C-alpha atoms as a PDB file:
ATOM      1  CA  GLU A   1      34.523  97.027 -33.308  1.00  0.00           C
ATOM      2  CA  PHE A   2      32.265  99.089 -31.114  1.00  0.00           C
ATOM      3  CA  VAL A   3      28.328  99.460 -32.162  1.00  0.00           C
ATOM      4  CA  ASN A   4      26.374 102.455 -30.928  1.00  0.00           C
ATOM      5  CA  VAL A   5      22.869 100.969 -30.010  1.00  0.00           C
ATOM      6  CA  ALA A   6      20.406 103.101 -28.633  1.00  0.00           C
ATOM      7  CA  ALA A   7      18.566 102.808 -25.396  1.00  0.00           C
ATOM      8  CA  THR A   8      14.822 100.875 -25.597  1.00  0.00           C
ATOM      9  CA  PHE A   9      12.189 102.000 -23.080  1.00  0.00           C
ATOM     10  CA  PHE A  10       8.728 100.164 -23.565  1.00  0.00           C
ATOM     11  CA  VAL A  11       6.381 102.002 -21.806  1.00  0.00           C
ATOM     12  CA  THR A  12       4.372 100.278 -19.125  1.00  0.00           C
ATOM     13  CA  THR A  13       1.018 102.235 -18.108  1.00  0.00           C
ATOM     14  CA  THR A  14      -0.570 105.409 -18.994  1.00  0.00           C
ATOM     15  CA  GLN A  15      -0.864 106.799 -15.611  1.00  0.00           C
ATOM     16  CA  ASP A  16       1.781 110.363 -16.002  1.00  0.00           C
ATOM     17  CA  THR A  17       4.387 109.320 -13.306  1.00  0.00           C
ATOM     18  CA  PHE A  18       7.877 110.231 -12.639  1.00  0.00           C
ATOM     19  CA  ASP A  19      11.227 108.484 -12.888  1.00  0.00           C
ATOM     20  CA  ILE A  20      12.178 107.682  -9.283  1.00  0.00           C
ATOM     21  CA  ARG A  21      16.532 107.320  -9.795  1.00  0.00           C
ATOM     22  CA  LEU A  22      17.376 109.256 -12.826  1.00  0.00           C
ATOM     23  CA  ALA A  23      20.365 108.187 -15.090  1.00  0.00           C
ATOM     24  CA  ASP A  24      20.241 104.584 -13.792  1.00  0.00           C
ATOM     25  CA  ASP A  25      19.280 103.096 -17.244  1.00  0.00           C
ATOM     26  CA  ARG A  26      15.725 102.276 -16.195  1.00  0.00           C
ATOM     27  CA  ALA A  27      12.629 104.143 -15.972  1.00  0.00           C
ATOM     28  CA  ASP A  28      10.906 102.972 -12.737  1.00  0.00           C
ATOM     29  CA  ASP A  29       8.236 104.799 -11.562  1.00  0.00           C
ATOM     30  CA  SER A  30       7.504 104.120  -7.386  1.00  0.00           C
ATOM     31  CA  SER A  31       5.340 100.945  -8.792  1.00  0.00           C
ATOM     32  CA  GLY A  32       7.974  99.841 -10.701  1.00  0.00           C
ATOM     33  CA  ASN A  33       6.120 100.811 -14.067  1.00  0.00           C
ATOM     34  CA  VAL A  34       7.300 102.823 -16.774  1.00  0.00           C
ATOM     35  CA  SER A  35       5.401 105.952 -17.818  1.00  0.00           C
ATOM     36  CA  LEU A  36       6.036 108.004 -21.120  1.00  0.00           C
ATOM     37  CA  ARG A  37       7.184 110.770 -18.856  1.00  0.00           C
ATOM     38  CA  SER A  38       9.366 108.555 -16.513  1.00  0.00           C
ATOM     39  CA  ALA A  39      10.953 107.245 -19.762  1.00  0.00           C
ATOM     40  CA  ILE A  40      11.720 110.741 -21.231  1.00  0.00           C
ATOM     41  CA  GLN A  41      13.115 111.977 -17.839  1.00  0.00           C
ATOM     42  CA  GLU A  42      15.363 109.008 -18.267  1.00  0.00           C
ATOM     43  CA  THR A  43      16.300 109.621 -21.854  1.00  0.00           C
ATOM     44  CA  ASN A  44      17.225 112.960 -20.725  1.00  0.00           C
ATOM     45  CA  ALA A  45      19.430 111.759 -17.956  1.00  0.00           C
ATOM     46  CA  PHE A  46      22.241 110.132 -20.069  1.00  0.00           C
ATOM     47  CA  VAL A  47      23.790 111.120 -23.343  1.00  0.00           C
ATOM     48  CA  GLY A  48      23.150 109.325 -26.536  1.00  0.00           C
ATOM     49  CA  ALA A  49      20.039 108.532 -28.584  1.00  0.00           C
ATOM     50  CA  ALA A  50      16.788 106.591 -27.372  1.00  0.00           C
ATOM     51  CA  ILE A  51      13.677 104.693 -28.398  1.00  0.00           C
ATOM     52  CA  ILE A  52      10.629 104.607 -26.282  1.00  0.00           C
ATOM     53  CA  ALA A  53       7.992 102.259 -27.558  1.00  0.00           C
ATOM     54  CA  LEU A  54       4.407 103.575 -26.831  1.00  0.00           C
ATOM     55  CA  PRO A  55       1.548 101.302 -27.094  1.00  0.00           C
ATOM     56  CA  ALA A  56      -1.798 101.877 -27.624  1.00  0.00           C
ATOM     57  CA  GLY A  57      -3.480 103.853 -24.944  1.00  0.00           C
ATOM     58  CA  THR A  58      -4.656 107.715 -24.067  1.00  0.00           C
ATOM     59  CA  TYR A  59      -1.618 109.000 -22.123  1.00  0.00           C
ATOM     60  CA  GLN A  60      -3.148 112.222 -20.131  1.00  0.00           C
ATOM     61  CA  LEU A  61      -0.304 114.434 -18.954  1.00  0.00           C
ATOM     62  CA  THR A  62      -1.159 115.456 -15.144  1.00  0.00           C
ATOM     63  CA  ARG A  63       1.627 116.783 -13.659  1.00  0.00           C
ATOM     64  CA  THR A  64       1.054 120.264 -13.274  1.00  0.00           C
ATOM     65  CA  GLY A  65       3.665 122.621 -12.877  1.00  0.00           C
ATOM     66  CA  THR A  66       5.260 125.347 -15.346  1.00  0.00           C
ATOM     67  CA  GLY A  67       8.851 126.820 -15.703  1.00  0.00           C
ATOM     68  CA  GLU A  68      11.418 123.312 -15.646  1.00  0.00           C
ATOM     69  CA  ASP A  69      12.937 122.166 -18.867  1.00  0.00           C
ATOM     70  CA  PHE A  70      13.527 118.494 -17.714  1.00  0.00           C
ATOM     71  CA  ALA A  71      10.006 116.913 -17.921  1.00  0.00           C
ATOM     72  CA  SER A  72       9.309 116.714 -14.299  1.00  0.00           C
ATOM     73  CA  PHE A  73       6.132 118.917 -14.655  1.00  0.00           C
ATOM     74  CA  GLY A  74       3.798 119.917 -17.280  1.00  0.00           C
ATOM     75  CA  ASP A  75       5.218 119.444 -20.659  1.00  0.00           C
ATOM     76  CA  LEU A  76       7.564 116.953 -21.920  1.00  0.00           C
ATOM     77  CA  ASP A  77      10.622 118.298 -22.682  1.00  0.00           C
ATOM     78  CA  ILE A  78      13.251 116.609 -25.305  1.00  0.00           C
ATOM     79  CA  ARG A  79      16.852 117.113 -24.165  1.00  0.00           C
ATOM     80  CA  ASP A  80      18.467 114.694 -25.835  1.00  0.00           C
ATOM     81  CA  ASN A  81      17.808 112.741 -29.316  1.00  0.00           C
ATOM     82  CA  LEU A  82      14.999 110.723 -28.949  1.00  0.00           C
ATOM     83  CA  THR A  83      12.205 108.437 -30.805  1.00  0.00           C
ATOM     84  CA  ILE A  84       8.896 107.937 -29.963  1.00  0.00           C
ATOM     85  CA  ILE A  85       6.852 104.804 -31.747  1.00  0.00           C
ATOM     86  CA  GLY A  86       3.111 104.613 -30.977  1.00  0.00           C
ATOM     87  CA  ALA A  87       0.834 101.932 -32.253  1.00  0.00           C
ATOM     88  CA  GLY A  88      -1.093 104.073 -34.606  1.00  0.00           C
ATOM     89  CA  ALA A  89      -1.870 107.703 -34.028  1.00  0.00           C
ATOM     90  CA  ASP A  90      -5.744 106.130 -34.134  1.00  0.00           C
ATOM     91  CA  SER A  91      -4.722 104.143 -30.800  1.00  0.00           C
ATOM     92  CA  THR A  92      -1.777 105.979 -29.220  1.00  0.00           C
ATOM     93  CA  ILE A  93      -3.111 109.385 -27.881  1.00  0.00           C
ATOM     94  CA  ILE A  94      -0.815 111.851 -26.028  1.00  0.00           C
ATOM     95  CA  ASP A  95      -3.319 114.390 -24.395  1.00  0.00           C
ATOM     96  CA  GLY A  96      -2.031 117.185 -22.559  1.00  0.00           C
ATOM     97  CA  GLY A  97      -5.070 117.425 -20.584  1.00  0.00           C
ATOM     98  CA  ALA A  98      -4.987 121.494 -21.423  1.00  0.00           C
ATOM     99  CA  ILE A  99      -2.514 121.835 -18.727  1.00  0.00           C
ATOM    100  CA  ASP A 100       0.619 122.769 -20.568  1.00  0.00           C
ATOM    101  CA  ARG A 101       1.787 122.020 -23.918  1.00  0.00           C
ATOM    102  CA  ILE A 102       2.520 118.456 -24.997  1.00  0.00           C
ATOM    103  CA  PHE A 103       6.286 118.782 -26.301  1.00  0.00           C
ATOM    104  CA  HIS A 104       9.441 120.944 -25.885  1.00  0.00           C
ATOM    105  CA  VAL A 105      12.137 120.241 -28.319  1.00  0.00           C
ATOM    106  CA  ALA A 106      15.593 121.758 -27.115  1.00  0.00           C
ATOM    107  CA  PRO A 107      18.100 123.436 -29.554  1.00  0.00           C
ATOM    108  CA  SER A 108      20.359 120.668 -31.291  1.00  0.00           C
ATOM    109  CA  VAL A 109      18.128 117.879 -30.512  1.00  0.00           C
ATOM    110  CA  THR A 110      16.524 115.807 -32.671  1.00  0.00           C
ATOM    111  CA  LEU A 111      12.951 114.517 -32.003  1.00  0.00           C
ATOM    112  CA  THR A 112      11.131 111.572 -34.158  1.00  0.00           C
ATOM    113  CA  LEU A 113       7.451 110.692 -33.413  1.00  0.00           C
ATOM    114  CA  THR A 114       5.899 107.797 -35.169  1.00  0.00           C
ATOM    115  CA  GLY A 115       2.034 106.625 -35.120  1.00  0.00           C
ATOM    116  CA  VAL A 116       0.693 108.810 -31.979  1.00  0.00           C
ATOM    117  CA  THR A 117      -1.918 111.781 -31.909  1.00  0.00           C
ATOM    118  CA  LEU A 118      -1.321 114.805 -30.067  1.00  0.00           C
ATOM    119  CA  GLN A 119      -3.966 116.438 -28.525  1.00  0.00           C
ATOM    120  CA  ASN A 120      -4.990 118.946 -25.988  1.00  0.00           C
ATOM    121  CA  GLY A 121      -2.326 120.902 -25.261  1.00  0.00           C
ATOM    122  CA  ALA A 122      -2.409 124.105 -24.343  1.00  0.00           C
ATOM    123  CA  SER A 123       0.054 126.958 -24.327  1.00  0.00           C
ATOM    124  CA  THR A 124       0.445 130.631 -25.639  1.00  0.00           C
ATOM    125  CA  PHE A 125       3.188 129.241 -27.648  1.00  0.00           C
ATOM    126  CA  GLY A 126       3.273 125.924 -29.555  1.00  0.00           C
ATOM    127  CA  ALA A 127       0.365 124.023 -27.888  1.00  0.00           C
ATOM    128  CA  GLY A 128       1.092 120.676 -29.388  1.00  0.00           C
ATOM    129  CA  LEU A 129       4.382 121.056 -30.006  1.00  0.00           C
ATOM    130  CA  TYR A 130       7.022 123.905 -29.346  1.00  0.00           C
ATOM    131  CA  ASN A 131      10.569 123.158 -31.455  1.00  0.00           C
ATOM    132  CA  GLU A 132      12.948 125.508 -30.210  1.00  0.00           C
ATOM    133  CA  GLY A 133      15.950 124.687 -32.731  1.00  0.00           C
ATOM    134  CA  GLY A 134      16.197 121.046 -32.875  1.00  0.00           C
ATOM    135  CA  ASN A 135      15.434 118.847 -35.629  1.00  0.00           C
ATOM    136  CA  VAL A 136      11.654 117.141 -35.507  1.00  0.00           C
ATOM    137  CA  ILE A 137      10.648 114.247 -37.244  1.00  0.00           C
ATOM    138  CA  LEU A 138       6.885 113.761 -37.468  1.00  0.00           C
ATOM    139  CA  ARG A 139       5.646 110.252 -39.513  1.00  0.00           C
ATOM    140  CA  ASP A 140       1.586 109.196 -39.486  1.00  0.00           C
ATOM    141  CA  VAL A 141       1.128 111.526 -36.796  1.00  0.00           C
ATOM    142  CA  VAL A 142      -1.908 113.873 -36.229  1.00  0.00           C
ATOM    143  CA  ILE A 143      -2.043 117.051 -33.948  1.00  0.00           C
ATOM    144  CA  ALA A 144      -5.507 118.142 -32.917  1.00  0.00           C
ATOM    145  CA  GLY A 145      -7.413 119.881 -30.522  1.00  0.00           C
ATOM    146  CA  ASN A 146      -4.776 122.085 -29.238  1.00  0.00           C
ATOM    147  CA  ASN A 147      -5.118 125.843 -27.934  1.00  0.00           C
ATOM    148  CA  ALA A 148      -2.759 128.698 -28.036  1.00  0.00           C
ATOM    149  CA  SER A 149      -4.595 131.486 -26.159  1.00  0.00           C
ATOM    150  CA  GLY A 150      -4.094 133.447 -22.800  1.00  0.00           C
ATOM    151  CA  ALA A 151      -1.466 136.051 -24.237  1.00  0.00           C
ATOM    152  CA  ILE A 152      -1.935 138.875 -26.723  1.00  0.00           C
ATOM    153  CA  ASN A 153       0.610 137.077 -29.104  1.00  0.00           C
ATOM    154  CA  ALA A 154      -0.542 133.383 -28.399  1.00  0.00           C
ATOM    155  CA  HIS A 155       0.230 131.431 -31.498  1.00  0.00           C
ATOM    156  CA  GLY A 156       0.997 128.141 -33.186  1.00  0.00           C
ATOM    157  CA  GLY A 157      -1.965 126.331 -31.642  1.00  0.00           C
ATOM    158  CA  GLY A 158      -0.812 123.036 -33.175  1.00  0.00           C
ATOM    159  CA  ILE A 159       2.876 123.687 -33.719  1.00  0.00           C
ATOM    160  CA  VAL A 160       6.172 125.996 -33.341  1.00  0.00           C
ATOM    161  CA  ASN A 161       8.966 125.558 -35.472  1.00  0.00           C
ATOM    162  CA  ASP A 162      11.307 128.071 -34.167  1.00  0.00           C
ATOM    163  CA  ARG A 163      14.749 128.103 -35.528  1.00  0.00           C
ATOM    164  CA  GLY A 164      14.696 124.312 -36.091  1.00  0.00           C
ATOM    165  CA  SER A 165      13.809 121.879 -38.900  1.00  0.00           C
ATOM    166  CA  MET A 166      10.965 119.962 -39.554  1.00  0.00           C
ATOM    167  CA  LEU A 167       9.763 116.993 -41.670  1.00  0.00           C
ATOM    168  CA  LEU A 168       6.624 115.829 -42.154  1.00  0.00           C
ATOM    169  CA  GLU A 169       5.489 112.432 -43.499  1.00  0.00           C
ATOM    170  CA  ARG A 170       1.711 111.651 -43.511  1.00  0.00           C
ATOM    171  CA  VAL A 171       1.001 114.490 -40.735  1.00  0.00           C
ATOM    172  CA  SER A 172      -2.481 115.614 -40.402  1.00  0.00           C
ATOM    173  CA  ILE A 173      -2.458 119.377 -38.074  1.00  0.00           C
ATOM    174  CA  ARG A 174      -6.385 120.157 -37.775  1.00  0.00           C
ATOM    175  CA  ASP A 175      -8.941 121.650 -35.560  1.00  0.00           C
ATOM    176  CA  ASN A 176      -6.443 123.889 -33.282  1.00  0.00           C
ATOM    177  CA  ILE A 177      -6.638 126.972 -31.971  1.00  0.00           C
ATOM    178  CA  ALA A 178      -4.604 130.444 -31.846  1.00  0.00           C
ATOM    179  CA  GLU A 179      -5.452 133.788 -30.742  1.00  0.00           C
ATOM    180  CA  LEU A 180      -2.814 135.324 -33.484  1.00  0.00           C
ATOM    181  CA  ASP A 181      -1.540 132.974 -35.632  1.00  0.00           C
ATOM    182  CA  GLY A 182      -0.870 129.772 -36.866  1.00  0.00           C
ATOM    183  CA  GLY A 183      -4.162 127.635 -35.292  1.00  0.00           C
END
């Protein structure tokens, strides 16, 4: 009998580094570490659900750039089913560094986030998390201090759920800012 087991990646650095060899079932950066970004890039490169174990720490996004959807620069693009498990929202923080939104979930993809804080995302549309028609499950998550600004129609400082489904359990969404709607 075939058992489908999700690939699991254990993050070993808080640095915002990239995967040097996509689709090799590893998520190593140039130093042999696994970052949150490199793990997401690797999960996007193969078909099938994956899990990322994210220990306590602050994971600040530093790779500037926009206009691509493969998590190479800027936001963390989720293109395949993924579960990210942090050590608790008070100790596992994903910080957007005010360079871009934090997460962008592609259509028909499921993202489950547990035990993390999303802070300091910056975008005109969904600064903390933008769900573009996927399925998002947030458990024990804090979304705080994100900012949707810079455009006349900037909205969704914390979250934009666009044509998708979203389940929130024990989630705090606070102190987010938007120029138009949904601070």
